[in-house]
Amino acid sequence: MSKTYRIAIAGCGKVAHEHAKAIQQIPTAELVSSWSRTHASAVRFAEAYNVTPCTDITKMVTDNGIDLVIVCTPHPWHKEPAILAAGAGAHVLVEKPLASTLQDCDAMIIAGRDAGVTLGVVSQRRWYPSVKRVKKAILDEKIGKPVLGTAVILGWRDRDYYESDAWRGTWRQEGGGVLVNQAPHQLDLLTWFMGEIEEVYGIWKNLNHPYIEVDDTAVAIIKFKNGGIGNVLVSNSQKPGIYGKVHVHGDNGASVGVQTDGGAMFIAGMTDIMEPPVNDLWTIPGEENLLDEWKDSDSVFFNRIDPIAYFMKCQITDFLHAIETDTEPLVDATSGRSTVELFTAIYRSTRNNAPVRFPLKPEVQRNDMDGRLGSD
């Protein structure tokens, strides 16, 4: 890259520190400013990283020559800083999910398009070596056409987790539960592997977290536009947490898959990643015996790096390259909206007790948060 990109972080909670550490590892990036909904938080963050705290996003961008704003606020508060940053001329990378609602997603996408800036969403698991192998096998047609895809999360969140921040576990503040907060990475990978969705039938429940409002478990059946089908099973109800996996099966009978998360689930700013992400399924003829070799090499690599900062660095570097070359980043705003569209369809399907056809538009005429609240 030919220049040093000046970066600001909007929203200075736990995950913002992970981005700051990643930025410090990129030679062509410099963390310059911070903004938060509570200014005291921005000040504390600024003191920790020797940057300038700001009270106004527009002035932060214009006064400090900011090239990129990384939005790390809680999900329902992604829209405002993203739109303001784009309007001031900065490119914008938003923590997952892009937003809690399709209405917010579309407002952010329009703002980025109108301002002529790049908008993307964080999904750093796409850079895991084991995930990249799955994608390459699909692109190389080693499994034929992908016709069956599954995304499974069996994890756990306890009361201390939900009480660690006031916004957690509520519809209006968090925007949802396991679907909105824990599942977006796996939902993103499933649609990245399988392609566009045609129809979803889903149901969500709260199985064993009576002290929160939101879903702790959801199941869905998916019809993809390529003729394939899929299944989603995501849950925060298994103590202490088992795994997250995405598997894809092809029409030639071969299968590939990745365990993206193992053991107790990772919580940004609160826990470390417990187990290396590894390929746990691989039946491509002639490659069946590579699993042990890959598991060993991936584990050695994982244990040699700070995996949280490393893979965030990979995504930020890709995003900066997209800015410099005026190309799309690997995880663009359309990809981010697709994940929101999928979990929104599960909420609507539960409300309607019926399949939901794609594409989905915002339901601006209703006041039930796309079925989350149960009634208008």
Protein backbone atom coordinates (compact mmCIF):
# COMPACT_ATOMS: atom_id res chain seq x y z
CA MET A 1 0.00 0.00 0.00
CA SER A 2 1.26 3.44 -0.90
CA LYS A 3 -0.02 5.44 2.07
CA THR A 4 -0.72 5.19 5.78
CA TYR A 5 -4.44 5.03 6.45
CA ARG A 6 -5.76 7.05 9.37
CA ILE A 7 -8.35 5.08 11.35
CA ALA A 8 -10.86 5.99 14.02
CA ILE A 9 -12.94 3.68 16.18
CA ALA A 10 -16.57 4.52 16.98
CA GLY A 11 -17.78 2.66 20.05
CA CYS A 12 -15.17 1.87 22.68
CA GLY A 13 -16.46 -1.29 24.33
CA LYS A 14 -14.77 -4.67 24.60
CA VAL A 15 -14.43 -5.52 20.92
CA ALA A 16 -12.92 -2.10 20.12
CA HIS A 17 -9.76 -3.10 21.99
CA GLU A 18 -9.38 -6.13 19.71
CA HIS A 19 -9.52 -3.86 16.67
CA ALA A 20 -7.01 -1.48 18.22
CA LYS A 21 -4.54 -4.32 18.76
CA ALA A 22 -5.03 -5.46 15.17
CA ILE A 23 -4.48 -1.96 13.77
CA GLN A 24 -1.22 -1.70 15.70
CA GLN A 25 0.06 -4.70 13.71
CA ILE A 26 -0.62 -3.14 10.28
CA PRO A 27 2.34 -1.05 9.04
CA THR A 28 0.13 1.05 6.74
CA ALA A 29 -2.52 1.82 9.37
CA GLU A 30 -2.56 4.31 12.23
CA LEU A 31 -5.19 4.53 14.97
CA VAL A 32 -5.87 8.24 15.35
CA SER A 33 -9.18 8.92 17.09
CA SER A 34 -11.97 7.46 19.20
CA TRP A 35 -15.64 8.25 19.69
CA SER A 36 -18.19 6.55 21.91
CA ARG A 37 -21.82 7.08 22.85
CA THR A 38 -20.52 7.82 26.34
CA HIS A 39 -17.67 10.33 26.00
CA ALA A 40 -15.96 9.08 29.15
CA SER A 41 -15.53 5.73 27.42
CA ALA A 42 -13.92 7.42 24.42
CA VAL A 43 -11.55 9.25 26.75
CA ARG A 44 -10.48 6.07 28.56
CA PHE A 45 -9.93 4.34 25.24
CA ALA A 46 -7.95 7.29 23.90
CA GLU A 47 -5.71 7.30 26.95
CA ALA A 48 -5.03 3.58 26.53
CA TYR A 49 -3.95 3.95 22.88
CA ASN A 50 -2.63 7.52 22.82
CA VAL A 51 -5.26 8.80 20.38
CA THR A 52 -7.61 11.78 20.30
CA PRO A 53 -11.07 11.38 21.87
CA CYS A 54 -13.90 13.12 20.02
CA THR A 55 -17.50 14.04 20.77
CA ASP A 56 -18.67 14.50 17.18
CA ILE A 57 -18.17 11.90 14.45
CA THR A 58 -18.35 14.34 11.55
CA LYS A 59 -15.73 16.62 13.10
CA MET A 60 -13.63 13.59 14.07
CA VAL A 61 -13.44 12.56 10.43
CA THR A 62 -12.89 16.01 8.93
CA ASP A 63 -10.58 17.47 11.59
CA ASN A 64 -8.33 14.40 11.79
CA GLY A 65 -8.23 13.36 8.14
CA ILE A 66 -9.78 9.99 8.92
CA ASP A 67 -9.79 7.48 6.05
CA LEU A 68 -11.64 4.66 7.83
CA VAL A 69 -14.04 4.47 10.75
CA ILE A 70 -14.54 1.08 12.39
CA VAL A 71 -17.94 0.97 14.10
CA CYS A 72 -17.91 -1.11 17.30
CA THR A 73 -21.06 0.12 19.05
CA PRO A 74 -23.75 -2.39 20.12
CA HIS A 75 -25.76 -3.61 17.14
CA PRO A 76 -28.82 -1.32 17.29
CA TRP A 77 -26.50 1.71 17.35
CA HIS A 78 -24.47 0.89 14.23
CA LYS A 79 -26.54 3.03 11.88
CA GLU A 80 -25.94 6.56 13.15
CA PRO A 81 -22.12 6.53 13.41
CA ALA A 82 -21.84 4.66 10.10
CA ILE A 83 -24.04 7.17 8.26
CA LEU A 84 -22.30 10.17 9.83
CA ALA A 85 -18.84 8.80 9.06
CA ALA A 86 -19.79 8.04 5.44
CA GLY A 87 -21.35 11.47 5.05
CA ALA A 88 -18.12 13.04 6.23
CA GLY A 89 -16.17 11.12 3.58
CA ALA A 90 -14.74 8.18 5.54
CA HIS A 91 -14.95 4.54 4.52
CA VAL A 92 -16.75 2.42 7.11
CA LEU A 93 -16.16 -1.09 8.47
CA VAL A 94 -18.91 -2.24 10.84
CA GLU A 95 -18.69 -4.94 13.50
CA LYS A 96 -21.02 -7.87 12.93
CA PRO A 97 -23.90 -7.91 12.36
CA LEU A 98 -24.19 -4.98 9.95
CA ALA A 99 -27.29 -3.95 11.93
CA SER A 100 -30.15 -5.47 13.89
CA THR A 101 -32.76 -4.60 11.27
CA LEU A 102 -33.00 -4.51 7.50
CA GLN A 103 -34.19 -0.92 7.67
CA ASP A 104 -30.92 0.11 9.33
CA CYS A 105 -28.89 -1.99 6.88
CA ASP A 106 -30.49 -0.31 3.89
CA ALA A 107 -30.04 3.17 5.33
CA MET A 108 -26.33 2.49 5.84
CA ILE A 109 -25.88 0.99 2.38
CA ILE A 110 -27.61 3.97 0.74
CA ALA A 111 -25.50 6.41 2.76
CA GLY A 112 -22.29 4.68 1.71
CA ARG A 113 -23.35 4.56 -1.92
CA ASP A 114 -24.40 8.22 -1.96
CA ALA A 115 -21.10 9.28 -0.36
CA GLY A 116 -19.03 7.13 -2.71
CA VAL A 117 -17.30 5.29 0.15
CA THR A 118 -16.73 1.60 0.83
CA LEU A 119 -18.91 -0.11 3.45
CA GLY A 120 -18.11 -3.54 4.87
CA VAL A 121 -18.87 -5.76 7.82
CA VAL A 122 -16.58 -7.74 10.11
CA SER A 123 -16.53 -11.50 9.51
CA GLN A 124 -12.92 -12.40 10.18
CA ARG A 125 -13.52 -16.16 10.24
CA ARG A 126 -13.43 -16.07 6.43
CA TRP A 127 -9.63 -15.79 6.80
CA TYR A 128 -9.22 -18.96 8.86
CA PRO A 129 -7.06 -21.36 6.80
CA SER A 130 -9.60 -24.14 7.40
CA VAL A 131 -12.45 -21.92 6.14
CA LYS A 132 -10.47 -20.84 3.07
CA ARG A 133 -9.90 -24.53 2.20
CA VAL A 134 -13.64 -25.15 2.18
CA LYS A 135 -14.32 -22.14 -0.04
CA LYS A 136 -11.53 -23.09 -2.46
CA ALA A 137 -12.77 -26.68 -2.72
CA ILE A 138 -16.22 -25.36 -3.65
CA LEU A 139 -14.83 -22.86 -6.18
CA ASP A 140 -12.65 -25.61 -7.69
CA GLU A 141 -15.81 -27.78 -8.01
CA LYS A 142 -14.21 -30.60 -6.05
CA ILE A 143 -17.56 -31.46 -4.46
CA GLY A 144 -19.57 -30.72 -7.62
CA LYS A 145 -22.44 -28.38 -6.90
CA PRO A 146 -22.97 -27.59 -3.19
CA VAL A 147 -26.41 -29.05 -2.48
CA LEU A 148 -26.62 -29.45 1.30
CA GLY A 149 -25.23 -27.02 3.85
CA THR A 150 -25.44 -27.02 7.65
CA ALA A 151 -24.49 -24.43 10.25
CA VAL A 152 -24.50 -25.56 13.89
CA ILE A 153 -23.61 -23.69 17.07
CA LEU A 154 -23.99 -25.43 20.42
CA GLY A 155 -22.75 -22.89 22.92
CA TRP A 156 -23.45 -21.33 26.30
CA ARG A 157 -23.94 -17.88 27.74
CA ASP A 158 -24.50 -17.50 31.47
CA ARG A 159 -26.15 -14.83 33.58
CA ASP A 160 -22.84 -13.05 34.20
CA TYR A 161 -22.43 -12.62 30.44
CA TYR A 162 -25.85 -11.02 30.00
CA GLU A 163 -25.30 -8.76 33.01
CA SER A 164 -21.85 -7.65 31.81
CA ASP A 165 -23.44 -4.88 29.71
CA ALA A 166 -26.83 -3.22 30.22
CA TRP A 167 -27.83 -3.68 26.57
CA ARG A 168 -27.43 -7.46 26.46
CA GLY A 169 -30.42 -9.78 26.43
CA THR A 170 -33.04 -7.20 25.41
CA TRP A 171 -34.91 -6.78 22.16
CA ARG A 172 -34.73 -3.01 21.96
CA GLN A 173 -31.06 -2.73 22.94
CA GLU A 174 -29.37 -5.91 21.69
CA GLY A 175 -31.82 -6.53 18.88
CA GLY A 176 -31.92 -10.28 19.43
CA GLY A 177 -30.15 -13.19 21.03
CA VAL A 178 -28.12 -16.05 19.60
CA LEU A 179 -29.25 -15.24 16.05
CA VAL A 180 -28.11 -11.63 16.19
CA ASN A 181 -25.07 -11.88 18.43
CA GLN A 182 -23.43 -15.34 18.24
CA ALA A 183 -24.65 -16.82 14.92
CA PRO A 184 -23.72 -14.17 12.30
CA HIS A 185 -20.25 -15.64 11.66
CA GLN A 186 -21.62 -19.09 10.88
CA LEU A 187 -24.60 -17.70 8.95
CA ASP A 188 -22.19 -15.63 6.86
CA LEU A 189 -20.05 -18.68 6.08
CA LEU A 190 -23.09 -20.80 5.19
CA THR A 191 -24.35 -18.27 2.64
CA TRP A 192 -20.80 -17.62 1.37
CA PHE A 193 -20.46 -21.34 0.66
CA MET A 194 -24.00 -22.10 -0.56
CA GLY A 195 -25.08 -18.91 -2.32
CA GLU A 196 -28.26 -16.87 -2.34
CA ILE A 197 -31.36 -17.94 -0.44
CA GLU A 198 -34.83 -18.51 -1.91
CA GLU A 199 -36.92 -19.42 1.16
CA VAL A 200 -36.59 -19.98 4.91
CA TYR A 201 -38.78 -21.68 7.48
CA GLY A 202 -37.58 -21.17 11.02
CA ILE A 203 -38.45 -21.06 14.68
CA TRP A 204 -36.75 -19.52 17.71
CA LYS A 205 -37.15 -20.22 21.42
CA ASN A 206 -35.79 -19.22 24.80
CA LEU A 207 -35.08 -22.61 26.35
CA ASN A 208 -33.23 -21.97 29.59
CA HIS A 209 -32.50 -18.24 30.02
CA PRO A 210 -35.65 -16.88 31.71
CA TYR A 211 -33.82 -13.73 32.83
CA ILE A 212 -33.44 -12.43 29.24
CA GLU A 213 -36.03 -11.41 26.64
CA VAL A 214 -34.32 -12.74 23.55
CA ASP A 215 -33.80 -16.05 21.73
CA ASP A 216 -31.23 -18.49 23.05
CA THR A 217 -31.99 -21.15 20.40
CA ALA A 218 -33.15 -21.21 16.77
CA VAL A 219 -33.62 -23.79 14.01
CA ALA A 220 -34.26 -23.17 10.31
CA ILE A 221 -34.66 -24.99 7.00
CA ILE A 222 -33.32 -23.15 3.96
CA LYS A 223 -33.96 -23.45 0.22
CA PHE A 224 -31.10 -21.99 -1.81
CA LYS A 225 -31.46 -20.50 -5.28
CA ASN A 226 -29.00 -23.04 -6.69
CA GLY A 227 -31.47 -25.83 -5.83
CA GLY A 228 -29.65 -26.86 -2.67
CA ILE A 229 -31.09 -27.05 0.81
CA GLY A 230 -29.70 -26.27 4.23
CA ASN A 231 -30.22 -26.37 7.94
CA VAL A 232 -29.36 -23.95 10.74
CA LEU A 233 -29.25 -24.98 14.41
CA VAL A 234 -27.85 -22.36 16.77
CA SER A 235 -28.11 -22.32 20.55
CA ASN A 236 -26.65 -20.75 23.69
CA SER A 237 -28.17 -23.46 25.90
CA GLN A 238 -25.43 -26.12 26.11
CA LYS A 239 -23.08 -25.86 29.08
CA PRO A 240 -20.19 -25.06 28.90
CA GLY A 241 -20.30 -24.84 25.09
CA ILE A 242 -19.49 -27.56 22.57
CA TYR A 243 -18.71 -26.30 19.04
CA GLY A 244 -19.61 -24.23 16.01
CA LYS A 245 -19.47 -25.99 12.64
CA VAL A 246 -20.30 -25.34 8.99
CA HIS A 247 -20.45 -28.31 6.62
CA VAL A 248 -21.16 -28.49 2.89
CA HIS A 249 -22.04 -31.60 0.89
CA GLY A 250 -21.84 -31.76 -2.90
CA ASP A 251 -23.88 -33.48 -5.58
CA ASN A 252 -20.92 -35.77 -6.38
CA GLY A 253 -21.10 -37.22 -2.86
CA ALA A 254 -18.03 -35.43 -1.47
CA SER A 255 -18.23 -33.34 1.69
CA VAL A 256 -16.13 -30.62 3.30
CA GLY A 257 -16.45 -28.84 6.60
CA VAL A 258 -14.91 -26.70 9.28
CA GLN A 259 -15.22 -26.49 13.04
CA THR A 260 -14.88 -22.74 13.45
CA ASP A 261 -15.22 -22.80 17.26
CA GLY A 262 -14.62 -25.50 19.85
CA GLY A 263 -15.16 -25.71 23.58
CA ALA A 264 -16.57 -22.75 25.48
CA MET A 265 -17.52 -20.08 22.96
CA PHE A 266 -15.27 -17.03 22.50
CA ILE A 267 -16.51 -13.75 23.99
CA ALA A 268 -14.74 -10.60 22.75
CA GLY A 269 -12.90 -8.88 25.53
CA MET A 270 -13.89 -11.53 28.07
CA THR A 271 -12.39 -14.88 27.00
CA ASP A 272 -9.82 -16.31 24.61
CA ILE A 273 -10.49 -18.62 21.67
CA MET A 274 -10.52 -22.08 23.25
CA GLU A 275 -9.62 -24.40 20.34
CA PRO A 276 -8.00 -23.92 16.92
CA PRO A 277 -10.42 -23.72 13.98
CA VAL A 278 -9.88 -26.92 11.98
CA ASN A 279 -11.31 -28.88 9.09
CA ASP A 280 -13.31 -31.69 10.69
CA LEU A 281 -14.87 -33.19 7.54
CA TRP A 282 -13.18 -33.87 4.19
CA THR A 283 -14.15 -36.72 1.84
CA ILE A 284 -12.90 -35.39 -1.50
CA PRO A 285 -11.42 -38.40 -3.35
CA GLY A 286 -7.66 -38.49 -2.94
CA GLU A 287 -7.68 -35.87 -0.15
CA GLU A 288 -9.31 -37.84 2.66
CA ASN A 289 -6.02 -38.37 4.47
CA LEU A 290 -5.10 -34.69 4.63
CA LEU A 291 -7.24 -33.92 7.70
CA ASP A 292 -4.62 -34.93 10.28
CA GLU A 293 -1.90 -32.97 8.48
CA TRP A 294 -4.10 -29.87 8.28
CA LYS A 295 -5.19 -30.14 11.91
CA ASP A 296 -1.57 -30.33 13.03
CA SER A 297 -0.38 -27.41 10.89
CA ASP A 298 -3.38 -25.22 11.73
CA SER A 299 -2.98 -25.92 15.44
CA VAL A 300 0.72 -25.03 15.37
CA PHE A 301 -0.07 -21.80 13.50
CA PHE A 302 -2.95 -20.93 15.86
CA ASN A 303 -0.80 -21.41 18.94
CA ARG A 304 1.97 -19.23 17.49
CA ILE A 305 -0.19 -16.14 16.97
CA ASP A 306 -2.69 -14.00 18.83
CA PRO A 307 -5.61 -15.39 16.80
CA ILE A 308 -8.10 -12.65 17.66
CA ALA A 309 -5.85 -9.80 16.59
CA TYR A 310 -4.34 -11.75 13.68
CA PHE A 311 -7.56 -12.49 11.83
CA MET A 312 -8.97 -9.03 12.50
CA LYS A 313 -5.73 -7.71 11.03
CA CYS A 314 -6.35 -9.87 7.94
CA GLN A 315 -9.79 -8.38 7.45
CA ILE A 316 -8.74 -4.77 8.06
CA THR A 317 -5.82 -5.22 5.65
CA ASP A 318 -8.20 -6.59 3.00
CA PHE A 319 -10.52 -3.64 3.57
CA LEU A 320 -7.70 -1.12 3.20
CA HIS A 321 -6.61 -2.86 -0.01
CA ALA A 322 -10.16 -2.51 -1.33
CA ILE A 323 -10.08 1.21 -0.55
CA GLU A 324 -6.75 1.68 -2.29
CA THR A 325 -7.71 -0.30 -5.40
CA ASP A 326 -11.35 0.86 -5.52
CA THR A 327 -12.56 -2.74 -5.43
CA GLU A 328 -15.01 -4.57 -3.18
CA PRO A 329 -13.70 -6.01 0.10
CA LEU A 330 -14.11 -9.73 0.69
CA VAL A 331 -16.98 -9.04 3.12
CA ASP A 332 -18.95 -6.17 1.64
CA ALA A 333 -22.18 -4.54 2.76
CA THR A 334 -24.27 -6.87 0.61
CA SER A 335 -22.79 -9.86 2.42
CA GLY A 336 -23.53 -8.18 5.73
CA ARG A 337 -27.13 -7.53 4.75
CA SER A 338 -27.55 -11.16 3.66
CA THR A 339 -26.78 -12.33 7.19
CA VAL A 340 -29.30 -9.88 8.66
CA GLU A 341 -31.82 -10.98 6.02
CA LEU A 342 -31.39 -14.61 7.10
CA PHE A 343 -31.91 -14.10 10.82
CA THR A 344 -34.75 -11.65 10.10
CA ALA A 345 -36.46 -14.36 8.05
CA ILE A 346 -36.28 -16.75 11.03
CA TYR A 347 -37.93 -14.16 13.29
CA ARG A 348 -40.65 -13.45 10.72
CA SER A 349 -41.21 -17.14 10.03
CA THR A 350 -41.74 -17.81 13.74
CA ARG A 351 -44.18 -14.93 13.97
CA ASN A 352 -46.12 -16.02 10.87
CA ASN A 353 -45.72 -19.80 11.37
CA ALA A 354 -44.97 -19.96 7.65
CA PRO A 355 -42.03 -19.99 5.23
CA VAL A 356 -40.57 -16.62 4.25
CA ARG A 357 -39.66 -15.91 0.64
CA PHE A 358 -36.62 -13.90 -0.37
CA PRO A 359 -35.67 -11.13 -0.97
CA LEU A 360 -36.85 -9.44 2.22
CA LYS A 361 -37.69 -5.77 2.49
CA PRO A 362 -37.90 -3.77 5.72
CA GLU A 363 -41.33 -3.94 7.36
CA VAL A 364 -41.65 -0.22 7.98
CA GLN A 365 -45.40 -0.48 8.53
CA ARG A 366 -45.03 -2.71 11.59
CA ASN A 367 -43.68 -2.05 15.07
CA ASP A 368 -42.75 -5.57 16.17
CA MET A 369 -39.06 -5.60 15.17
CA ASP A 370 -39.65 -8.15 12.41
CA GLY A 371 -41.49 -10.54 14.70
CA ARG A 372 -39.18 -10.29 17.67
CA LEU A 373 -41.76 -8.58 19.88
CA GLY A 374 -44.64 -10.89 18.98
CA SER A 375 -47.24 -8.24 18.19
CA ASP A 376 -47.68 -4.77 16.70
